[in-house]
C-alpha cells in the first residue's frame, strides 16, 4: 500500500529535503505540506505549501497515514496532539525538547510515535558501537565535539545528547563539562562536551576516548541533509504499519 504522508515545516531546511526524498519513491505520496510562515503560491517538488493554521482540517480532509515533522518543540506538540486525535502516526526529527517531550510520550498511547534526533543510518551505527568502546576502555577520558551550521538553535545537538546518554550508560561518568575556560583541570569522571556553530556545516559528531598513551576517535560526518530526509521517509513508511506506541530509528534499522 502507498503511505500517505503529510509534511510540516515544508519550506525549512529539512522540510524541503523530506519532500525531495518522498518524490523519489513509489511507495509513498505526499498528500499535503504546511509551513507556519506565509509561503504565498510556493510549491516544493510539485507540492503546494499550505498554511500551518489549516493543519487540523488538512489532516481531516486529506487523511494522511503519517505526518513527518521537522519544526520546533512547541509546534511539534501542536501537530502531534492533532494527529493523536485523528489516529495518524507521527514521525519527528525535531530537537530541543524540554517539558514538551511529555506530550509526545502521551500521544504514543493513542498512535505510533517515532522520535529520532538523527535519521542517518551511520549515526545509528555510531550509537550502537560507542557503548562498547566505553566499556572496553574503562578509565579513559571522553570528549564529544559536535559541529553544525550557524543557524542551529539547540546546543548540544539532539544527536550529541543521544550519544552522551549512551556513554553515561556504559561508563562511570558523573558530570558533563560544556567547554572550558580559565583554570579548569579535568575531573576524573567528566565528559567534555563542545558545540561548534559555523557556516553551513550539515552535521559532524566526534567522540574522543584517550588514555594509556593512545586515543580512539569515532566520527560521523553528514555531507548532505538528504541522508536525514531519506531516513525520515524510511521511518514514515515503516511506522505506517505499527500499532500505537513509542519507537525510535533503531526499530526501523533493525527491520
C-alpha atoms as a PDB file:
ATOM      1  CA  UNK A   1       0.000   0.000   0.000  1.00  0.00           C
ATOM      2  CA  UNK A   2       1.070   3.575  -0.617  1.00  0.00           C
ATOM      3  CA  UNK A   3       1.860   5.540   2.546  1.00  0.00           C
ATOM      4  CA  UNK A   4       0.082   8.878   2.600  1.00  0.00           C
ATOM      5  CA  UNK A   5       2.383  11.487   4.119  1.00  0.00           C
ATOM      6  CA  UNK A   6       1.793  14.976   5.498  1.00  0.00           C
ATOM      7  CA  UNK A   7       4.858  17.196   5.928  1.00  0.00           C
ATOM      8  CA  UNK A   8       5.284  20.110   8.355  1.00  0.00           C
ATOM      9  CA  UNK A   9       7.909  22.837   8.197  1.00  0.00           C
ATOM     10  CA  UNK A  10       7.793  22.325   4.454  1.00  0.00           C
ATOM     11  CA  UNK A  11       9.934  25.285   3.411  1.00  0.00           C
ATOM     12  CA  UNK A  12      12.601  24.755   6.066  1.00  0.00           C
ATOM     13  CA  UNK A  13      15.960  23.075   5.526  1.00  0.00           C
ATOM     14  CA  UNK A  14      14.681  19.610   6.364  1.00  0.00           C
ATOM     15  CA  UNK A  15      11.131  20.030   5.115  1.00  0.00           C
ATOM     16  CA  UNK A  16      12.374  20.617   1.591  1.00  0.00           C
ATOM     17  CA  UNK A  17      14.649  17.590   1.818  1.00  0.00           C
ATOM     18  CA  UNK A  18      11.799  15.372   3.045  1.00  0.00           C
ATOM     19  CA  UNK A  19       9.645  16.437   0.121  1.00  0.00           C
ATOM     20  CA  UNK A  20      12.500  15.720  -2.281  1.00  0.00           C
ATOM     21  CA  UNK A  21      13.143  12.284  -0.742  1.00  0.00           C
ATOM     22  CA  UNK A  22       9.453  11.357  -0.880  1.00  0.00           C
ATOM     23  CA  UNK A  23       9.204  12.444  -4.520  1.00  0.00           C
ATOM     24  CA  UNK A  24      11.816   9.846  -5.464  1.00  0.00           C
ATOM     25  CA  UNK A  25       9.833   6.939  -4.025  1.00  0.00           C
ATOM     26  CA  UNK A  26       6.914   4.966  -5.371  1.00  0.00           C
ATOM     27  CA  UNK A  27       5.721   3.627  -2.011  1.00  0.00           C
ATOM     28  CA  UNK A  28       4.598   6.970  -0.599  1.00  0.00           C
ATOM     29  CA  UNK A  29       2.574  10.007  -1.621  1.00  0.00           C
ATOM     30  CA  UNK A  30       2.700  13.473  -0.062  1.00  0.00           C
ATOM     31  CA  UNK A  31      -0.933  14.496   0.444  1.00  0.00           C
ATOM     32  CA  UNK A  32      -0.171  17.909   1.949  1.00  0.00           C
ATOM     33  CA  UNK A  33       2.684  20.099   3.150  1.00  0.00           C
ATOM     34  CA  UNK A  34       2.372  23.025   5.556  1.00  0.00           C
ATOM     35  CA  UNK A  35       4.523  25.867   6.817  1.00  0.00           C
ATOM     36  CA  UNK A  36       3.910  28.355   9.632  1.00  0.00           C
ATOM     37  CA  UNK A  37       5.401  31.303   7.736  1.00  0.00           C
ATOM     38  CA  UNK A  38       3.379  32.534   4.735  1.00  0.00           C
ATOM     39  CA  UNK A  39       4.569  30.761   1.600  1.00  0.00           C
ATOM     40  CA  UNK A  40       2.469  32.605  -0.973  1.00  0.00           C
ATOM     41  CA  UNK A  41       1.983  30.462  -4.036  1.00  0.00           C
ATOM     42  CA  UNK A  42       5.116  28.417  -3.316  1.00  0.00           C
ATOM     43  CA  UNK A  43       5.468  24.782  -4.250  1.00  0.00           C
ATOM     44  CA  UNK A  44       8.259  22.372  -3.389  1.00  0.00           C
ATOM     45  CA  UNK A  45       8.788  19.263  -5.507  1.00  0.00           C
ATOM     46  CA  UNK A  46       5.415  19.982  -7.094  1.00  0.00           C
ATOM     47  CA  UNK A  47       3.611  20.037  -3.742  1.00  0.00           C
ATOM     48  CA  UNK A  48       1.657  23.162  -2.816  1.00  0.00           C
ATOM     49  CA  UNK A  49       2.759  24.664   0.505  1.00  0.00           C
ATOM     50  CA  UNK A  50      -0.328  25.423   2.590  1.00  0.00           C
ATOM     51  CA  UNK A  51      -0.713  27.436   5.837  1.00  0.00           C
ATOM     52  CA  UNK A  52       0.075  25.579   9.041  1.00  0.00           C
ATOM     53  CA  UNK A  53      -3.053  27.161  10.512  1.00  0.00           C
ATOM     54  CA  UNK A  54      -5.030  24.749   8.320  1.00  0.00           C
ATOM     55  CA  UNK A  55      -3.218  21.657   9.605  1.00  0.00           C
ATOM     56  CA  UNK A  56      -6.201  20.276  11.528  1.00  0.00           C
ATOM     57  CA  UNK A  57      -8.547  20.494   8.561  1.00  0.00           C
ATOM     58  CA  UNK A  58      -5.922  19.110   6.177  1.00  0.00           C
ATOM     59  CA  UNK A  59      -5.470  16.052   8.401  1.00  0.00           C
ATOM     60  CA  UNK A  60      -9.230  15.521   8.404  1.00  0.00           C
ATOM     61  CA  UNK A  61      -9.710  16.100   4.671  1.00  0.00           C
ATOM     62  CA  UNK A  62      -6.590  14.501   3.158  1.00  0.00           C
ATOM     63  CA  UNK A  63      -6.396  11.528   5.562  1.00  0.00           C
ATOM     64  CA  UNK A  64      -2.616  11.043   5.802  1.00  0.00           C
ATOM     65  CA  UNK A  65      -1.276   7.779   7.171  1.00  0.00           C
ATOM     66  CA  UNK A  66       1.619   9.555   8.887  1.00  0.00           C
ATOM     67  CA  UNK A  67       2.923  13.072   9.426  1.00  0.00           C
ATOM     68  CA  UNK A  68       6.653  13.842   9.195  1.00  0.00           C
ATOM     69  CA  UNK A  69       7.725  16.789  11.329  1.00  0.00           C
ATOM     70  CA  UNK A  70      10.905  18.873  11.435  1.00  0.00           C
ATOM     71  CA  UNK A  71       9.858  22.122  13.121  1.00  0.00           C
ATOM     72  CA  UNK A  72      10.240  23.207  16.760  1.00  0.00           C
ATOM     73  CA  UNK A  73       9.196  21.780  20.122  1.00  0.00           C
ATOM     74  CA  UNK A  74       6.035  23.854  20.571  1.00  0.00           C
ATOM     75  CA  UNK A  75       4.746  23.359  17.037  1.00  0.00           C
ATOM     76  CA  UNK A  76       5.599  19.656  17.134  1.00  0.00           C
ATOM     77  CA  UNK A  77       3.387  19.317  20.214  1.00  0.00           C
ATOM     78  CA  UNK A  78       0.507  21.045  18.434  1.00  0.00           C
ATOM     79  CA  UNK A  79       0.888  18.735  15.450  1.00  0.00           C
ATOM     80  CA  UNK A  80       1.205  15.502  17.424  1.00  0.00           C
ATOM     81  CA  UNK A  81      -1.879  16.285  19.505  1.00  0.00           C
ATOM     82  CA  UNK A  82      -3.928  16.750  16.341  1.00  0.00           C
ATOM     83  CA  UNK A  83      -2.529  13.507  14.944  1.00  0.00           C
ATOM     84  CA  UNK A  84      -3.351  11.650  18.153  1.00  0.00           C
ATOM     85  CA  UNK A  85      -6.959  12.797  17.898  1.00  0.00           C
ATOM     86  CA  UNK A  86      -7.165  11.702  14.266  1.00  0.00           C
ATOM     87  CA  UNK A  87      -5.352   8.371  14.592  1.00  0.00           C
ATOM     88  CA  UNK A  88      -2.454   9.468  12.374  1.00  0.00           C
ATOM     89  CA  UNK A  89       1.077   8.184  13.071  1.00  0.00           C
ATOM     90  CA  UNK A  90       3.757  10.782  13.787  1.00  0.00           C
ATOM     91  CA  UNK A  91       7.466  10.857  12.902  1.00  0.00           C
ATOM     92  CA  UNK A  92       9.558  13.752  14.173  1.00  0.00           C
ATOM     93  CA  UNK A  93      13.201  14.742  13.995  1.00  0.00           C
ATOM     94  CA  UNK A  94      12.600  17.933  15.961  1.00  0.00           C
ATOM     95  CA  UNK A  95      15.115  18.502  18.774  1.00  0.00           C
ATOM     96  CA  UNK A  96      15.417  20.948  21.662  1.00  0.00           C
ATOM     97  CA  UNK A  97      12.502  19.492  23.633  1.00  0.00           C
ATOM     98  CA  UNK A  98      12.154  20.197  27.340  1.00  0.00           C
ATOM     99  CA  UNK A  99       8.831  19.651  29.104  1.00  0.00           C
ATOM    100  CA  UNK A 100       7.168  19.405  25.684  1.00  0.00           C
ATOM    101  CA  UNK A 101       8.545  15.893  25.311  1.00  0.00           C
ATOM    102  CA  UNK A 102       5.856  14.622  27.662  1.00  0.00           C
ATOM    103  CA  UNK A 103       3.225  15.477  25.053  1.00  0.00           C
ATOM    104  CA  UNK A 104       4.912  13.205  22.525  1.00  0.00           C
ATOM    105  CA  UNK A 105       5.012  10.373  25.024  1.00  0.00           C
ATOM    106  CA  UNK A 106       1.353  10.918  25.909  1.00  0.00           C
ATOM    107  CA  UNK A 107       0.365  10.808  22.237  1.00  0.00           C
ATOM    108  CA  UNK A 108       2.102   7.445  21.854  1.00  0.00           C
ATOM    109  CA  UNK A 109      -0.648   5.911  23.968  1.00  0.00           C
ATOM    110  CA  UNK A 110      -3.053   6.561  21.085  1.00  0.00           C
ATOM    111  CA  UNK A 111      -0.865   6.485  17.943  1.00  0.00           C
ATOM    112  CA  UNK A 112       2.512   5.252  16.764  1.00  0.00           C
ATOM    113  CA  UNK A 113       5.095   7.971  17.521  1.00  0.00           C
ATOM    114  CA  UNK A 114       8.704   7.817  16.362  1.00  0.00           C
ATOM    115  CA  UNK A 115      11.213  10.390  17.547  1.00  0.00           C
ATOM    116  CA  UNK A 116      14.844  10.445  16.483  1.00  0.00           C
ATOM    117  CA  UNK A 117      17.374  13.270  16.811  1.00  0.00           C
ATOM    118  CA  UNK A 118      19.099  11.912  13.713  1.00  0.00           C
ATOM    119  CA  UNK A 119      17.818   9.733  10.858  1.00  0.00           C
ATOM    120  CA  UNK A 120      21.206   8.873   9.351  1.00  0.00           C
ATOM    121  CA  UNK A 121      21.890   5.148   9.355  1.00  0.00           C
ATOM    122  CA  UNK A 122      25.553   5.855  10.090  1.00  0.00           C
ATOM    123  CA  UNK A 123      24.649   7.732  13.269  1.00  0.00           C
ATOM    124  CA  UNK A 124      22.610   4.764  14.459  1.00  0.00           C
ATOM    125  CA  UNK A 125      25.668   2.582  13.852  1.00  0.00           C
ATOM    126  CA  UNK A 126      27.729   5.052  15.910  1.00  0.00           C
ATOM    127  CA  UNK A 127      25.207   4.884  18.767  1.00  0.00           C
ATOM    128  CA  UNK A 128      25.420   1.091  18.627  1.00  0.00           C
ATOM    129  CA  UNK A 129      29.222   0.949  18.951  1.00  0.00           C
ATOM    130  CA  UNK A 130      30.047   3.816  21.303  1.00  0.00           C
ATOM    131  CA  UNK A 131      28.782   1.970  24.374  1.00  0.00           C
ATOM    132  CA  UNK A 132      31.028  -0.995  23.596  1.00  0.00           C
ATOM    133  CA  UNK A 133      34.011   1.336  23.164  1.00  0.00           C
ATOM    134  CA  UNK A 134      33.402   2.961  26.548  1.00  0.00           C
ATOM    135  CA  UNK A 135      33.082  -0.434  28.235  1.00  0.00           C
ATOM    136  CA  UNK A 136      36.250  -1.726  26.569  1.00  0.00           C
ATOM    137  CA  UNK A 137      38.250   1.351  27.625  1.00  0.00           C
ATOM    138  CA  UNK A 138      37.412   1.948  31.317  1.00  0.00           C
ATOM    139  CA  UNK A 139      39.101   4.949  32.840  1.00  0.00           C
ATOM    140  CA  UNK A 140      39.758   6.633  29.509  1.00  0.00           C
ATOM    141  CA  UNK A 141      38.923  10.318  29.176  1.00  0.00           C
ATOM    142  CA  UNK A 142      35.952  11.009  26.916  1.00  0.00           C
ATOM    143  CA  UNK A 143      35.284  14.189  24.939  1.00  0.00           C
ATOM    144  CA  UNK A 144      32.489  14.850  22.449  1.00  0.00           C
ATOM    145  CA  UNK A 145      32.660  17.558  19.791  1.00  0.00           C
ATOM    146  CA  UNK A 146      29.727  18.364  17.521  1.00  0.00           C
ATOM    147  CA  UNK A 147      29.636  20.877  14.682  1.00  0.00           C
ATOM    148  CA  UNK A 148      26.592  22.270  12.867  1.00  0.00           C
ATOM    149  CA  UNK A 149      25.598  25.205  10.683  1.00  0.00           C
ATOM    150  CA  UNK A 150      25.366  28.651  12.228  1.00  0.00           C
ATOM    151  CA  UNK A 151      21.562  28.630  12.245  1.00  0.00           C
ATOM    152  CA  UNK A 152      21.095  25.620  14.527  1.00  0.00           C
ATOM    153  CA  UNK A 153      19.291  26.653  17.706  1.00  0.00           C
ATOM    154  CA  UNK A 154      19.859  23.871  20.245  1.00  0.00           C
ATOM    155  CA  UNK A 155      23.232  23.006  21.746  1.00  0.00           C
ATOM    156  CA  UNK A 156      24.393  20.370  22.281  1.00  0.00           C
ATOM    157  CA  UNK A 157      22.610  18.818  19.336  1.00  0.00           C
ATOM    158  CA  UNK A 158      19.956  16.183  19.848  1.00  0.00           C
ATOM    159  CA  UNK A 159      22.321  13.619  18.370  1.00  0.00           C
ATOM    160  CA  UNK A 160      25.067  14.656  20.797  1.00  0.00           C
ATOM    161  CA  UNK A 161      22.684  14.221  23.731  1.00  0.00           C
ATOM    162  CA  UNK A 162      21.728  10.761  22.471  1.00  0.00           C
ATOM    163  CA  UNK A 163      25.410   9.792  22.251  1.00  0.00           C
ATOM    164  CA  UNK A 164      26.095  11.238  25.696  1.00  0.00           C
ATOM    165  CA  UNK A 165      23.329   9.116  27.210  1.00  0.00           C
ATOM    166  CA  UNK A 166      24.886   6.035  25.654  1.00  0.00           C
ATOM    167  CA  UNK A 167      28.321   6.965  27.017  1.00  0.00           C
ATOM    168  CA  UNK A 168      26.941   7.587  30.505  1.00  0.00           C
ATOM    169  CA  UNK A 169      25.004   4.319  30.482  1.00  0.00           C
ATOM    170  CA  UNK A 170      28.174   2.356  29.785  1.00  0.00           C
ATOM    171  CA  UNK A 171      30.810   4.190  31.817  1.00  0.00           C
ATOM    172  CA  UNK A 172      31.498   5.681  35.234  1.00  0.00           C
ATOM    173  CA  UNK A 173      30.724   9.323  34.475  1.00  0.00           C
ATOM    174  CA  UNK A 174      29.063  11.790  36.827  1.00  0.00           C
ATOM    175  CA  UNK A 175      29.096  15.139  35.032  1.00  0.00           C
ATOM    176  CA  UNK A 176      29.235  16.929  31.704  1.00  0.00           C
ATOM    177  CA  UNK A 177      31.559  19.881  31.238  1.00  0.00           C
ATOM    178  CA  UNK A 178      30.423  22.197  28.466  1.00  0.00           C
ATOM    179  CA  UNK A 179      33.562  23.888  27.153  1.00  0.00           C
ATOM    180  CA  UNK A 180      36.404  25.067  29.387  1.00  0.00           C
ATOM    181  CA  UNK A 181      37.692  28.457  30.407  1.00  0.00           C
ATOM    182  CA  UNK A 182      40.318  29.710  32.826  1.00  0.00           C
ATOM    183  CA  UNK A 183      41.654  27.357  35.478  1.00  0.00           C
ATOM    184  CA  UNK A 184      39.683  24.247  34.527  1.00  0.00           C
ATOM    185  CA  UNK A 185      41.564  20.999  35.134  1.00  0.00           C
ATOM    186  CA  UNK A 186      39.729  17.899  34.045  1.00  0.00           C
ATOM    187  CA  UNK A 187      37.907  15.949  36.729  1.00  0.00           C
ATOM    188  CA  UNK A 188      38.183  12.183  36.763  1.00  0.00           C
ATOM    189  CA  UNK A 189      34.639  11.296  35.758  1.00  0.00           C
ATOM    190  CA  UNK A 190      33.578  14.111  33.481  1.00  0.00           C
ATOM    191  CA  UNK A 191      32.659  14.098  29.811  1.00  0.00           C
ATOM    192  CA  UNK A 192      33.820  17.153  27.912  1.00  0.00           C
ATOM    193  CA  UNK A 193      31.158  18.499  25.545  1.00  0.00           C
ATOM    194  CA  UNK A 194      31.854  21.078  22.856  1.00  0.00           C
ATOM    195  CA  UNK A 195      29.356  22.565  20.384  1.00  0.00           C
ATOM    196  CA  UNK A 196      30.620  24.411  17.303  1.00  0.00           C
ATOM    197  CA  UNK A 197      28.342  26.516  15.096  1.00  0.00           C
ATOM    198  CA  UNK A 198      29.829  27.712  11.837  1.00  0.00           C
ATOM    199  CA  UNK A 199      28.969  28.252   8.186  1.00  0.00           C
ATOM    200  CA  UNK A 200      26.681  25.715   6.570  1.00  0.00           C
ATOM    201  CA  UNK A 201      28.087  22.536   8.126  1.00  0.00           C
ATOM    202  CA  UNK A 202      25.466  19.811   7.790  1.00  0.00           C
ATOM    203  CA  UNK A 203      26.497  17.875  10.869  1.00  0.00           C
ATOM    204  CA  UNK A 204      29.550  16.251  12.411  1.00  0.00           C
ATOM    205  CA  UNK A 205      29.937  14.331  15.662  1.00  0.00           C
ATOM    206  CA  UNK A 206      33.241  13.059  17.039  1.00  0.00           C
ATOM    207  CA  UNK A 207      33.856  11.114  20.221  1.00  0.00           C
ATOM    208  CA  UNK A 208      37.428  11.004  21.550  1.00  0.00           C
ATOM    209  CA  UNK A 209      38.490   8.336  24.043  1.00  0.00           C
ATOM    210  CA  UNK A 210      42.040   8.863  25.347  1.00  0.00           C
ATOM    211  CA  UNK A 211      44.237   7.101  27.893  1.00  0.00           C
ATOM    212  CA  UNK A 212      47.048   4.601  28.267  1.00  0.00           C
ATOM    213  CA  UNK A 213      49.155   6.571  25.732  1.00  0.00           C
ATOM    214  CA  UNK A 214      46.588   6.040  22.976  1.00  0.00           C
ATOM    215  CA  UNK A 215      43.384   7.534  21.634  1.00  0.00           C
ATOM    216  CA  UNK A 216      40.369   6.305  19.719  1.00  0.00           C
ATOM    217  CA  UNK A 217      38.203   8.626  17.626  1.00  0.00           C
ATOM    218  CA  UNK A 218      34.700   7.702  16.480  1.00  0.00           C
ATOM    219  CA  UNK A 219      33.364  10.134  13.897  1.00  0.00           C
ATOM    220  CA  UNK A 220      30.253  10.574  11.824  1.00  0.00           C
ATOM    221  CA  UNK A 221      30.076  13.289   9.195  1.00  0.00           C
ATOM    222  CA  UNK A 222      26.939  14.027   7.179  1.00  0.00           C
ATOM    223  CA  UNK A 223      27.766  15.573   3.829  1.00  0.00           C
ATOM    224  CA  UNK A 224      24.197  16.222   2.690  1.00  0.00           C
ATOM    225  CA  UNK A 225      20.890  16.696   4.526  1.00  0.00           C
ATOM    226  CA  UNK A 226      19.328  14.284   2.092  1.00  0.00           C
ATOM    227  CA  UNK A 227      20.626  11.403   4.199  1.00  0.00           C
ATOM    228  CA  UNK A 228      18.465  12.550   7.126  1.00  0.00           C
ATOM    229  CA  UNK A 229      15.417  13.038   4.911  1.00  0.00           C
ATOM    230  CA  UNK A 230      15.760   9.611   3.326  1.00  0.00           C
ATOM    231  CA  UNK A 231      15.867   8.043   6.780  1.00  0.00           C
ATOM    232  CA  UNK A 232      12.825  10.011   7.909  1.00  0.00           C
ATOM    233  CA  UNK A 233      10.834   8.793   4.898  1.00  0.00           C
ATOM    234  CA  UNK A 234      12.020   5.238   5.612  1.00  0.00           C
ATOM    235  CA  UNK A 235      10.671   5.709   9.143  1.00  0.00           C
ATOM    236  CA  UNK A 236       7.362   7.092   7.868  1.00  0.00           C
ATOM    237  CA  UNK A 237       6.769   4.131   5.575  1.00  0.00           C
ATOM    238  CA  UNK A 238       7.772   1.682   8.317  1.00  0.00           C
ATOM    239  CA  UNK A 239       5.676   3.199  11.106  1.00  0.00           C
ATOM    240  CA  UNK A 240       2.543   3.236   8.966  1.00  0.00           C
ATOM    241  CA  UNK A 241       2.068  -0.447   9.784  1.00  0.00           C
ATOM    242  CA  UNK A 242       2.779  -0.226  13.508  1.00  0.00           C
ATOM    243  CA  UNK A 243       0.382  -0.170  16.445  1.00  0.00           C
ATOM    244  CA  UNK A 244       0.265   2.678  18.955  1.00  0.00           C
ATOM    245  CA  UNK A 245       3.475   3.027  20.941  1.00  0.00           C
ATOM    246  CA  UNK A 246       6.854   4.710  21.219  1.00  0.00           C
ATOM    247  CA  UNK A 247       9.511   3.971  18.608  1.00  0.00           C
ATOM    248  CA  UNK A 248      12.934   5.231  17.550  1.00  0.00           C
ATOM    249  CA  UNK A 249      15.054   4.908  14.452  1.00  0.00           C
ATOM    250  CA  UNK A 250      16.808   1.807  15.791  1.00  0.00           C
ATOM    251  CA  UNK A 251      13.486  -0.038  15.391  1.00  0.00           C
ATOM    252  CA  UNK A 252      13.421   0.892  11.709  1.00  0.00           C
ATOM    253  CA  UNK A 253      17.042  -0.120  11.159  1.00  0.00           C
ATOM    254  CA  UNK A 254      16.619  -3.458  12.919  1.00  0.00           C
ATOM    255  CA  UNK A 255      13.963  -4.499  10.414  1.00  0.00           C
END
